[in-house]
């Protein structure tokens, strides 16, 4: 009796993990366009849900922020095996707020590596960030056929030598040369007067 209770408890404890590992049925049934599949080959695996917004269907995915500027964010969609898809850029409007862990967060407060929710259009190859409020419109960014290139390392400018040297040593050397020349002429003059 006791062992049956323990086994039942273990099975019940594992059910949420098994359910979480399975793909939602709606993600398996949704018809992604060929263009979307070409640009997001792993979209069916990454899909967590499908929602309808502003007359369009979107696959809901989780992604990590790779980099951000005032008007553009680059994300990498998470895959179930822990890897990430190719980086994709999303245009953002200044002041845009998105939903991060159920909280409206301005774009400039999102940290690199932070997990965010994104929407991939089912019919048209594009991506959008989940807006802060469900009533906010989706700001859709078309996705080009080629993924966002990885950031190139910034080459350091060659170190410039300090400009501490002045013209004084050159002037000093010129003065010494003139003194030596004058001393040479004086020596020759005295020698010439001694010979007479």
N, C-alpha and C. Protein backbone atom coordinates (compact mmCIF):
# COMPACT_ATOMS: atom_id res chain seq x y z
N UNK A 1 0.82 -1.20 0.00
CA UNK A 1 0.00 0.00 0.00
C UNK A 1 0.87 1.26 0.00
N UNK A 2 1.91 1.21 0.85
CA UNK A 2 2.79 2.36 0.95
C UNK A 2 3.56 2.57 -0.35
N UNK A 3 4.04 1.47 -0.98
CA UNK A 3 4.77 1.59 -2.24
C UNK A 3 3.88 2.08 -3.37
N UNK A 4 2.62 1.69 -3.39
CA UNK A 4 1.67 2.16 -4.39
C UNK A 4 1.46 3.66 -4.24
N UNK A 5 1.39 4.13 -3.03
CA UNK A 5 1.21 5.56 -2.76
C UNK A 5 2.43 6.35 -3.23
N UNK A 6 3.63 5.81 -2.99
CA UNK A 6 4.87 6.49 -3.41
C UNK A 6 4.93 6.55 -4.93
N UNK A 7 4.63 5.44 -5.60
CA UNK A 7 4.66 5.39 -7.07
C UNK A 7 3.62 6.35 -7.65
N UNK A 8 2.44 6.38 -7.08
CA UNK A 8 1.39 7.30 -7.55
C UNK A 8 1.83 8.75 -7.39
N UNK A 9 2.47 9.06 -6.28
CA UNK A 9 2.95 10.42 -6.04
C UNK A 9 4.01 10.81 -7.06
N UNK A 10 4.92 9.86 -7.37
CA UNK A 10 5.96 10.14 -8.36
C UNK A 10 5.36 10.37 -9.74
N UNK A 11 4.39 9.55 -10.11
CA UNK A 11 3.73 9.71 -11.42
C UNK A 11 3.04 11.06 -11.49
N UNK A 12 2.32 11.43 -10.45
CA UNK A 12 1.64 12.73 -10.43
C UNK A 12 2.63 13.88 -10.47
N UNK A 13 3.78 13.71 -9.81
CA UNK A 13 4.79 14.77 -9.81
C UNK A 13 5.42 14.92 -11.19
N UNK A 14 5.52 13.82 -11.95
CA UNK A 14 6.15 13.88 -13.27
C UNK A 14 5.20 14.33 -14.37
N UNK A 15 3.90 14.28 -14.16
CA UNK A 15 2.95 14.66 -15.20
C UNK A 15 3.15 16.07 -15.73
N UNK A 16 3.33 17.10 -14.87
CA UNK A 16 3.55 18.44 -15.44
C UNK A 16 4.79 18.52 -16.30
N UNK A 17 5.88 17.81 -15.92
CA UNK A 17 7.10 17.84 -16.72
C UNK A 17 6.88 17.20 -18.07
N UNK A 18 6.17 16.07 -18.10
CA UNK A 18 5.89 15.40 -19.36
C UNK A 18 4.99 16.27 -20.22
N UNK A 19 3.99 16.88 -19.63
CA UNK A 19 3.08 17.75 -20.39
C UNK A 19 3.82 18.94 -20.94
N UNK A 20 4.77 19.49 -20.14
CA UNK A 20 5.54 20.65 -20.60
C UNK A 20 6.47 20.30 -21.73
N UNK A 21 6.96 19.04 -21.75
CA UNK A 21 7.90 18.63 -22.79
C UNK A 21 7.20 18.37 -24.11
N UNK A 22 5.91 18.06 -24.07
CA UNK A 22 5.19 17.78 -25.30
C UNK A 22 4.84 19.09 -26.01
N UNK A 23 4.78 18.99 -27.32
CA UNK A 23 4.42 20.14 -28.14
C UNK A 23 2.92 20.39 -28.01
N UNK A 24 2.50 21.65 -27.82
CA UNK A 24 1.06 21.90 -27.79
C UNK A 24 0.42 21.45 -29.11
N UNK A 25 -0.75 20.86 -29.00
CA UNK A 25 -1.45 20.31 -30.18
C UNK A 25 -1.68 21.37 -31.24
N UNK A 26 -1.97 22.60 -30.81
CA UNK A 26 -2.26 23.66 -31.78
C UNK A 26 -1.02 23.97 -32.62
N UNK A 27 0.18 23.85 -32.02
CA UNK A 27 1.41 24.10 -32.77
C UNK A 27 1.66 23.02 -33.81
N UNK A 28 1.22 21.80 -33.52
CA UNK A 28 1.38 20.71 -34.47
C UNK A 28 0.40 20.82 -35.63
N UNK A 29 -0.77 21.41 -35.36
CA UNK A 29 -1.82 21.49 -36.39
C UNK A 29 -1.72 22.74 -37.26
N UNK A 30 -1.12 23.78 -36.78
CA UNK A 30 -1.13 25.05 -37.51
C UNK A 30 -0.39 24.90 -38.85
N UNK A 31 -0.90 25.56 -39.86
CA UNK A 31 -0.32 25.51 -41.21
C UNK A 31 0.59 26.72 -41.41
N UNK A 32 1.89 26.53 -41.22
CA UNK A 32 2.85 27.60 -41.49
C UNK A 32 3.08 27.70 -42.99
N UNK A 33 3.22 28.92 -43.51
CA UNK A 33 3.48 29.10 -44.94
C UNK A 33 4.90 28.60 -45.25
N UNK A 34 5.15 28.31 -46.53
CA UNK A 34 6.48 27.84 -46.95
C UNK A 34 7.55 28.90 -46.68
N UNK A 35 7.19 30.18 -46.88
CA UNK A 35 8.14 31.27 -46.61
C UNK A 35 8.52 31.31 -45.14
N UNK A 36 7.54 31.12 -44.26
CA UNK A 36 7.81 31.12 -42.82
C UNK A 36 8.70 29.95 -42.46
N UNK A 37 8.41 28.77 -42.98
CA UNK A 37 9.23 27.59 -42.70
C UNK A 37 10.65 27.73 -43.25
N UNK A 38 10.78 28.45 -44.38
CA UNK A 38 12.12 28.66 -44.95
C UNK A 38 12.96 29.56 -44.03
N UNK A 39 12.33 30.58 -43.44
CA UNK A 39 13.05 31.52 -42.59
C UNK A 39 13.17 31.05 -41.14
N UNK A 40 12.18 30.27 -40.69
CA UNK A 40 12.18 29.73 -39.33
C UNK A 40 12.02 28.20 -39.40
N UNK A 41 13.04 27.46 -39.81
CA UNK A 41 12.87 26.02 -40.00
C UNK A 41 12.48 25.27 -38.72
N UNK A 42 12.79 25.81 -37.56
CA UNK A 42 12.49 25.14 -36.30
C UNK A 42 11.27 25.73 -35.60
N UNK A 43 10.45 26.48 -36.32
CA UNK A 43 9.33 27.18 -35.68
C UNK A 43 8.35 26.21 -35.02
N UNK A 44 8.10 25.08 -35.65
CA UNK A 44 7.14 24.14 -35.08
C UNK A 44 7.65 23.61 -33.74
N UNK A 45 8.97 23.37 -33.62
CA UNK A 45 9.55 22.89 -32.37
C UNK A 45 9.56 24.00 -31.31
N UNK A 46 9.81 25.24 -31.72
CA UNK A 46 9.91 26.36 -30.77
C UNK A 46 8.55 26.87 -30.33
N UNK A 47 7.51 26.58 -31.10
CA UNK A 47 6.15 27.09 -30.83
C UNK A 47 5.64 26.61 -29.47
N UNK A 48 5.14 27.57 -28.68
CA UNK A 48 4.55 27.27 -27.38
C UNK A 48 3.03 27.40 -27.39
N UNK A 49 2.52 28.19 -28.33
CA UNK A 49 1.08 28.44 -28.44
C UNK A 49 0.84 29.16 -29.75
N UNK A 50 -0.39 29.24 -30.19
CA UNK A 50 -0.76 30.02 -31.36
C UNK A 50 -1.88 30.94 -30.93
N UNK A 51 -1.70 32.24 -31.21
CA UNK A 51 -2.72 33.22 -30.84
C UNK A 51 -3.20 33.95 -32.08
N UNK A 52 -4.37 34.54 -31.98
CA UNK A 52 -4.92 35.35 -33.06
C UNK A 52 -4.97 36.79 -32.56
N UNK A 53 -4.35 37.70 -33.33
CA UNK A 53 -4.29 39.10 -32.91
C UNK A 53 -4.36 39.97 -34.15
N UNK A 54 -5.22 40.97 -34.12
CA UNK A 54 -5.38 41.90 -35.24
C UNK A 54 -5.62 41.17 -36.56
N UNK A 55 -6.38 40.07 -36.51
CA UNK A 55 -6.72 39.33 -37.72
C UNK A 55 -5.60 38.44 -38.24
N UNK A 56 -4.52 38.29 -37.51
CA UNK A 56 -3.40 37.46 -37.91
C UNK A 56 -3.15 36.37 -36.87
N UNK A 57 -2.60 35.24 -37.31
CA UNK A 57 -2.22 34.20 -36.37
C UNK A 57 -0.72 34.26 -36.13
N UNK A 58 -0.34 34.09 -34.87
CA UNK A 58 1.07 34.15 -34.47
C UNK A 58 1.42 32.93 -33.64
N UNK A 59 2.60 32.35 -33.89
CA UNK A 59 3.16 31.32 -33.02
C UNK A 59 3.90 32.04 -31.91
N UNK A 60 3.61 31.68 -30.68
CA UNK A 60 4.26 32.30 -29.52
C UNK A 60 5.53 31.51 -29.23
N UNK A 61 6.65 32.25 -29.10
CA UNK A 61 7.94 31.63 -28.80
C UNK A 61 8.63 32.41 -27.68
N UNK A 62 9.59 31.77 -27.06
CA UNK A 62 10.45 32.44 -26.09
C UNK A 62 11.79 32.68 -26.76
N UNK A 63 12.43 33.79 -26.42
CA UNK A 63 13.70 34.15 -27.04
C UNK A 63 14.57 34.87 -26.03
N UNK A 64 15.87 34.87 -26.29
CA UNK A 64 16.82 35.61 -25.48
C UNK A 64 17.29 36.83 -26.25
N UNK A 65 17.43 37.95 -25.54
CA UNK A 65 17.93 39.17 -26.17
C UNK A 65 19.43 39.06 -26.38
N UNK A 66 19.87 39.32 -27.62
CA UNK A 66 21.30 39.27 -27.96
C UNK A 66 21.91 40.65 -27.88
N UNK A 67 21.24 41.64 -28.46
CA UNK A 67 21.71 43.03 -28.38
C UNK A 67 20.54 43.94 -28.69
N UNK A 68 20.71 45.21 -28.33
CA UNK A 68 19.62 46.17 -28.54
C UNK A 68 20.18 47.56 -28.77
N UNK A 69 19.50 48.29 -29.64
CA UNK A 69 19.76 49.71 -29.82
C UNK A 69 18.45 50.43 -29.58
N UNK A 70 18.43 51.73 -29.80
CA UNK A 70 17.22 52.50 -29.54
C UNK A 70 16.04 52.06 -30.41
N UNK A 71 16.31 51.56 -31.62
CA UNK A 71 15.23 51.22 -32.55
C UNK A 71 15.26 49.77 -33.04
N UNK A 72 16.17 48.96 -32.52
CA UNK A 72 16.30 47.60 -33.04
C UNK A 72 16.79 46.66 -31.95
N UNK A 73 16.17 45.48 -31.90
CA UNK A 73 16.60 44.44 -30.97
C UNK A 73 16.92 43.19 -31.77
N UNK A 74 17.94 42.47 -31.35
CA UNK A 74 18.27 41.19 -31.98
C UNK A 74 18.03 40.11 -30.94
N UNK A 75 17.25 39.10 -31.35
CA UNK A 75 16.90 38.01 -30.44
C UNK A 75 17.27 36.68 -31.06
N UNK A 76 17.36 35.65 -30.21
CA UNK A 76 17.54 34.28 -30.68
C UNK A 76 16.45 33.44 -30.05
N UNK A 77 15.61 32.84 -30.89
CA UNK A 77 14.48 32.03 -30.43
C UNK A 77 15.02 30.75 -29.78
N UNK A 78 14.44 30.42 -28.61
CA UNK A 78 14.85 29.22 -27.87
C UNK A 78 14.19 27.99 -28.46
N UNK A 79 14.95 26.91 -28.50
CA UNK A 79 14.44 25.62 -28.96
C UNK A 79 14.33 24.68 -27.76
N UNK A 80 13.48 23.65 -27.86
CA UNK A 80 13.24 22.77 -26.71
C UNK A 80 14.50 22.07 -26.17
N UNK A 81 15.50 21.83 -27.04
CA UNK A 81 16.70 21.12 -26.58
C UNK A 81 17.71 22.05 -25.90
N UNK A 82 17.33 23.33 -25.71
CA UNK A 82 18.22 24.27 -25.03
C UNK A 82 19.08 25.09 -25.98
N UNK A 83 19.07 24.75 -27.27
CA UNK A 83 19.83 25.53 -28.24
C UNK A 83 18.98 26.71 -28.70
N UNK A 84 19.54 27.52 -29.58
CA UNK A 84 18.84 28.70 -30.09
C UNK A 84 18.86 28.71 -31.61
N UNK A 85 17.85 29.33 -32.19
CA UNK A 85 17.80 29.54 -33.64
C UNK A 85 18.75 30.68 -34.00
N UNK A 86 18.86 30.93 -35.30
CA UNK A 86 19.71 32.02 -35.78
C UNK A 86 19.20 33.36 -35.24
N UNK A 87 20.10 34.34 -35.02
CA UNK A 87 19.65 35.65 -34.54
C UNK A 87 18.74 36.35 -35.55
N UNK A 88 17.72 37.03 -35.04
CA UNK A 88 16.79 37.78 -35.88
C UNK A 88 16.60 39.17 -35.28
N UNK A 89 16.55 40.16 -36.16
CA UNK A 89 16.39 41.54 -35.72
C UNK A 89 14.92 41.95 -35.76
N UNK A 90 14.52 42.76 -34.79
CA UNK A 90 13.15 43.26 -34.69
C UNK A 90 13.22 44.78 -34.53
N UNK A 91 12.48 45.48 -35.37
CA UNK A 91 12.40 46.94 -35.23
C UNK A 91 11.50 47.28 -34.04
N UNK A 92 11.87 48.29 -33.28
CA UNK A 92 11.03 48.73 -32.16
C UNK A 92 10.87 50.24 -32.22
N UNK A 93 9.71 50.70 -31.78
CA UNK A 93 9.47 52.14 -31.73
C UNK A 93 10.00 52.68 -30.41
N UNK A 94 10.48 53.93 -30.40
CA UNK A 94 10.93 54.51 -29.13
C UNK A 94 9.77 54.51 -28.13
N UNK A 95 10.08 54.14 -26.90
CA UNK A 95 9.06 54.10 -25.86
C UNK A 95 8.25 52.83 -25.83
N UNK A 96 8.54 51.87 -26.74
CA UNK A 96 7.80 50.61 -26.77
C UNK A 96 8.02 49.85 -25.47
N UNK A 97 6.94 49.30 -24.94
CA UNK A 97 7.01 48.49 -23.73
C UNK A 97 6.55 47.08 -24.08
N UNK A 98 7.24 46.09 -23.51
CA UNK A 98 6.85 44.72 -23.78
C UNK A 98 6.61 43.98 -22.48
N UNK A 99 5.98 42.84 -22.61
CA UNK A 99 5.61 42.04 -21.46
C UNK A 99 6.79 41.14 -21.08
N UNK A 100 7.38 41.39 -19.92
CA UNK A 100 8.47 40.55 -19.41
C UNK A 100 8.02 40.03 -18.06
N UNK A 101 7.80 38.71 -17.99
CA UNK A 101 7.33 38.07 -16.76
C UNK A 101 6.06 38.73 -16.22
N UNK A 102 5.15 39.08 -17.13
CA UNK A 102 3.88 39.66 -16.73
C UNK A 102 3.95 41.13 -16.33
N UNK A 103 5.08 41.78 -16.61
CA UNK A 103 5.27 43.18 -16.23
C UNK A 103 5.58 44.02 -17.46
N UNK A 104 4.94 45.18 -17.57
CA UNK A 104 5.21 46.09 -18.69
C UNK A 104 6.59 46.69 -18.50
N UNK A 105 7.50 46.40 -19.43
CA UNK A 105 8.89 46.82 -19.30
C UNK A 105 9.31 47.61 -20.53
N UNK A 106 9.84 48.85 -20.34
CA UNK A 106 10.36 49.59 -21.49
C UNK A 106 11.54 48.86 -22.13
N UNK A 107 11.66 49.00 -23.44
CA UNK A 107 12.71 48.30 -24.19
C UNK A 107 14.09 48.63 -23.63
N UNK A 108 14.32 49.87 -23.23
CA UNK A 108 15.66 50.24 -22.77
C UNK A 108 16.01 49.65 -21.41
N UNK A 109 15.07 48.95 -20.77
CA UNK A 109 15.36 48.31 -19.49
C UNK A 109 15.58 46.81 -19.63
N UNK A 110 15.50 46.29 -20.85
CA UNK A 110 15.71 44.86 -21.07
C UNK A 110 17.22 44.60 -21.12
N UNK A 111 17.67 43.60 -20.37
CA UNK A 111 19.09 43.27 -20.33
C UNK A 111 19.43 42.20 -21.35
N UNK A 112 20.65 42.25 -21.87
CA UNK A 112 21.12 41.22 -22.79
C UNK A 112 21.07 39.88 -22.07
N UNK A 113 20.54 38.87 -22.77
CA UNK A 113 20.40 37.54 -22.19
C UNK A 113 19.06 37.31 -21.53
N UNK A 114 18.26 38.38 -21.36
CA UNK A 114 16.96 38.23 -20.71
C UNK A 114 15.97 37.53 -21.64
N UNK A 115 15.12 36.69 -21.06
CA UNK A 115 14.12 35.95 -21.85
C UNK A 115 12.91 36.84 -22.10
N UNK A 116 12.48 36.88 -23.35
CA UNK A 116 11.31 37.66 -23.73
C UNK A 116 10.39 36.79 -24.58
N UNK A 117 9.15 37.24 -24.73
CA UNK A 117 8.17 36.54 -25.55
C UNK A 117 8.08 37.23 -26.91
N UNK A 118 8.08 36.44 -27.96
CA UNK A 118 7.97 36.98 -29.31
C UNK A 118 6.90 36.22 -30.06
N UNK A 119 6.38 36.86 -31.12
CA UNK A 119 5.36 36.26 -31.97
C UNK A 119 5.93 36.11 -33.38
N UNK A 120 5.78 34.93 -33.97
CA UNK A 120 6.17 34.70 -35.36
C UNK A 120 4.89 34.54 -36.15
N UNK A 121 4.73 35.37 -37.19
CA UNK A 121 3.53 35.32 -38.01
C UNK A 121 3.46 33.97 -38.73
N UNK A 122 2.30 33.35 -38.72
CA UNK A 122 2.12 32.01 -39.29
C UNK A 122 2.14 32.05 -40.81
N UNK A 123 1.62 33.13 -41.42
CA UNK A 123 1.49 33.20 -42.88
C UNK A 123 2.53 34.05 -43.57
N UNK A 124 3.05 35.04 -42.90
CA UNK A 124 3.95 36.00 -43.50
C UNK A 124 5.24 36.00 -42.69
N UNK A 125 6.41 35.76 -43.31
CA UNK A 125 7.63 35.65 -42.52
C UNK A 125 7.98 36.95 -41.82
N UNK A 126 7.63 37.01 -40.56
CA UNK A 126 7.91 38.19 -39.76
C UNK A 126 7.83 37.85 -38.30
N UNK A 127 8.30 38.77 -37.49
CA UNK A 127 8.38 38.54 -36.05
C UNK A 127 8.04 39.83 -35.32
N UNK A 128 7.52 39.69 -34.11
CA UNK A 128 7.14 40.84 -33.29
C UNK A 128 7.39 40.50 -31.84
N UNK A 129 7.58 41.53 -31.03
CA UNK A 129 7.69 41.35 -29.59
C UNK A 129 6.30 41.37 -28.99
N UNK A 130 6.10 40.59 -27.93
CA UNK A 130 4.80 40.60 -27.25
C UNK A 130 4.63 41.95 -26.58
N UNK A 131 3.57 42.72 -26.92
CA UNK A 131 3.39 44.03 -26.30
C UNK A 131 3.00 43.88 -24.83
N UNK A 132 3.18 44.97 -24.09
CA UNK A 132 2.92 44.96 -22.65
C UNK A 132 1.45 44.66 -22.35
N UNK A 133 0.55 45.24 -23.11
CA UNK A 133 -0.88 45.04 -22.89
C UNK A 133 -1.48 44.24 -24.03
N UNK A 134 -2.41 43.36 -23.71
CA UNK A 134 -3.04 42.52 -24.74
C UNK A 134 -3.76 43.36 -25.79
N UNK A 135 -4.22 44.55 -25.41
CA UNK A 135 -4.94 45.41 -26.36
C UNK A 135 -4.00 46.21 -27.27
N UNK A 136 -2.70 46.25 -26.95
CA UNK A 136 -1.75 46.99 -27.79
C UNK A 136 -1.57 46.28 -29.12
N UNK A 137 -1.37 47.04 -30.22
CA UNK A 137 -1.17 46.40 -31.52
C UNK A 137 0.20 45.71 -31.58
N UNK A 138 0.31 44.71 -32.44
CA UNK A 138 1.57 43.99 -32.64
C UNK A 138 2.38 44.77 -33.68
N UNK A 139 3.61 45.11 -33.32
CA UNK A 139 4.52 45.82 -34.24
C UNK A 139 5.31 44.77 -35.00
N UNK A 140 4.87 44.46 -36.20
CA UNK A 140 5.38 43.36 -37.00
C UNK A 140 6.60 43.78 -37.80
N UNK A 141 7.68 43.00 -37.75
CA UNK A 141 8.90 43.26 -38.53
C UNK A 141 9.10 42.13 -39.53
N UNK A 142 9.07 42.42 -40.85
CA UNK A 142 9.35 41.37 -41.83
C UNK A 142 10.76 40.80 -41.61
N UNK A 143 10.92 39.53 -41.85
CA UNK A 143 12.22 38.88 -41.64
C UNK A 143 12.83 38.54 -42.99
N UNK A 144 14.05 39.02 -43.26
CA UNK A 144 14.70 38.70 -44.53
C UNK A 144 15.08 37.22 -44.59
N UNK A 145 15.39 36.75 -45.78
CA UNK A 145 15.75 35.34 -45.96
C UNK A 145 17.03 34.99 -45.22
N UNK A 146 17.96 35.94 -45.13
CA UNK A 146 19.22 35.69 -44.45
C UNK A 146 19.11 36.11 -42.99
N UNK A 147 19.65 35.30 -42.06
CA UNK A 147 19.60 35.69 -40.65
C UNK A 147 20.49 36.90 -40.37
N UNK A 148 20.23 37.54 -39.26
CA UNK A 148 21.02 38.68 -38.81
C UNK A 148 22.47 38.25 -38.64
N UNK A 149 23.43 38.99 -39.26
CA UNK A 149 24.83 38.57 -39.10
C UNK A 149 25.29 38.75 -37.66
N UNK A 150 26.20 37.90 -37.26
CA UNK A 150 26.76 38.01 -35.91
C UNK A 150 27.56 39.30 -35.82
N UNK A 151 27.56 39.94 -34.65
CA UNK A 151 28.31 41.19 -34.53
C UNK A 151 29.79 40.95 -34.73
N UNK A 152 30.41 41.82 -35.53
CA UNK A 152 31.84 41.69 -35.77
C UNK A 152 32.59 42.34 -34.62
N UNK A 153 33.72 41.74 -34.23
CA UNK A 153 34.49 42.36 -33.15
C UNK A 153 35.02 43.71 -33.60
N UNK A 154 34.97 44.64 -32.70
CA UNK A 154 35.43 45.99 -33.00
C UNK A 154 36.94 46.01 -32.87
N UNK A 155 37.63 46.40 -33.96
CA UNK A 155 39.09 46.46 -33.93
C UNK A 155 39.52 47.67 -33.13
N UNK A 156 40.47 47.45 -32.25
CA UNK A 156 40.98 48.55 -31.42
C UNK A 156 41.85 49.44 -32.28
N UNK A 157 41.72 50.74 -32.08
CA UNK A 157 42.54 51.70 -32.80
C UNK A 157 43.98 51.57 -32.33
N UNK A 158 44.95 51.70 -33.25
CA UNK A 158 46.33 51.57 -32.81
C UNK A 158 46.66 52.64 -31.77
N UNK A 159 47.44 52.22 -30.79
CA UNK A 159 47.80 53.15 -29.71
C UNK A 159 48.66 54.26 -30.27
N UNK A 160 48.35 55.47 -29.90
CA UNK A 160 49.09 56.62 -30.37
C UNK A 160 50.12 56.99 -29.31
N UNK A 161 51.32 57.28 -29.78
CA UNK A 161 52.38 57.65 -28.85
C UNK A 161 52.06 59.02 -28.25
N UNK A 162 52.44 59.23 -26.98
CA UNK A 162 52.18 60.53 -26.38
C UNK A 162 53.02 61.61 -27.05
N UNK A 163 52.45 62.78 -27.17
CA UNK A 163 53.14 63.89 -27.84
C UNK A 163 53.80 64.78 -26.80
N UNK A 164 54.85 64.24 -26.19
CA UNK A 164 55.55 65.01 -25.15
C UNK A 164 56.82 65.67 -25.69
N UNK A 165 57.33 65.24 -26.85
CA UNK A 165 58.56 65.81 -27.40
C UNK A 165 58.30 67.22 -27.92
N UNK A 166 59.33 68.08 -27.80
CA UNK A 166 59.23 69.46 -28.31
C UNK A 166 60.38 69.71 -29.27
N UNK A 167 60.46 70.92 -29.78
CA UNK A 167 61.54 71.30 -30.70
C UNK A 167 62.80 71.75 -29.95
N UNK A 168 62.74 71.83 -28.63
CA UNK A 168 63.89 72.32 -27.86
C UNK A 168 65.14 71.47 -28.03
N UNK A 169 65.09 70.16 -28.00
CA UNK A 169 66.33 69.40 -28.21
C UNK A 169 66.97 69.67 -29.58
N UNK A 170 66.14 69.84 -30.61
CA UNK A 170 66.66 70.14 -31.94
C UNK A 170 67.35 71.50 -31.95
N UNK A 171 66.70 72.46 -31.31
CA UNK A 171 67.30 73.80 -31.22
C UNK A 171 68.59 73.76 -30.41
N UNK A 172 68.60 72.94 -29.34
CA UNK A 172 69.82 72.81 -28.53
C UNK A 172 70.96 72.21 -29.33
N UNK A 173 70.65 71.17 -30.13
CA UNK A 173 71.67 70.53 -30.97
C UNK A 173 72.19 71.51 -32.02
N UNK A 174 71.30 72.30 -32.59
CA UNK A 174 71.70 73.31 -33.58
C UNK A 174 72.61 74.35 -32.93
N UNK A 175 72.27 74.75 -31.70
CA UNK A 175 73.11 75.73 -30.97
C UNK A 175 74.50 75.18 -30.67
N UNK A 176 74.57 73.91 -30.27
CA UNK A 176 75.87 73.27 -29.99
C UNK A 176 76.70 73.21 -31.27
N UNK A 177 76.06 72.90 -32.39
CA UNK A 177 76.77 72.83 -33.67
C UNK A 177 77.33 74.21 -34.04
N UNK A 178 76.54 75.27 -33.83
CA UNK A 178 77.02 76.63 -34.13
C UNK A 178 78.18 77.03 -33.21
N UNK A 179 78.10 76.66 -31.93
CA UNK A 179 79.20 76.95 -31.01
C UNK A 179 80.47 76.22 -31.44
N UNK A 180 80.33 74.96 -31.84
CA UNK A 180 81.49 74.19 -32.30
C UNK A 180 82.08 74.82 -33.55
N UNK A 181 81.23 75.27 -34.48
CA UNK A 181 81.70 75.92 -35.71
C UNK A 181 82.42 77.23 -35.37
N UNK A 182 81.83 77.99 -34.43
CA UNK A 182 82.48 79.25 -34.02
C UNK A 182 83.82 78.97 -33.35
N UNK A 183 83.87 77.93 -32.53
CA UNK A 183 85.14 77.58 -31.87
C UNK A 183 86.16 77.14 -32.91
N UNK A 184 85.71 76.42 -33.94
CA UNK A 184 86.61 75.99 -35.01
C UNK A 184 87.18 77.18 -35.75
N UNK A 185 86.31 78.19 -36.10
CA UNK A 185 86.79 79.39 -36.78
C UNK A 185 87.78 80.16 -35.90
N UNK A 186 87.48 80.25 -34.61
CA UNK A 186 88.37 80.96 -33.68
C UNK A 186 89.72 80.25 -33.63
N UNK A 187 89.71 78.93 -33.59
CA UNK A 187 90.95 78.17 -33.55
C UNK A 187 91.77 78.42 -34.81
N UNK A 188 91.09 78.39 -35.98
CA UNK A 188 91.79 78.62 -37.24
C UNK A 188 92.34 80.04 -37.33
N UNK A 189 91.59 81.01 -36.81
CA UNK A 189 92.04 82.39 -36.86
C UNK A 189 93.30 82.57 -35.98
N UNK A 190 93.29 81.98 -34.78
CA UNK A 190 94.45 82.10 -33.88
C UNK A 190 95.64 81.38 -34.48
N UNK A 191 95.42 80.29 -35.12
CA UNK A 191 96.49 79.55 -35.72
C UNK A 191 97.10 80.34 -36.88
N UNK A 192 96.21 81.01 -37.64
CA UNK A 192 96.67 81.81 -38.76
C UNK A 192 97.47 83.03 -38.28
N UNK A 193 97.08 83.64 -37.16
CA UNK A 193 97.81 84.79 -36.64
C UNK A 193 99.13 84.37 -35.99
N UNK A 194 99.18 83.16 -35.45
CA UNK A 194 100.43 82.66 -34.85
C UNK A 194 101.46 82.31 -35.92
N UNK A 195 101.01 81.90 -37.10
CA UNK A 195 101.92 81.55 -38.18
C UNK A 195 102.53 82.79 -38.81
N UNK A 196 101.94 83.95 -38.66
CA UNK A 196 102.44 85.18 -39.26
C UNK A 196 103.42 85.79 -38.38
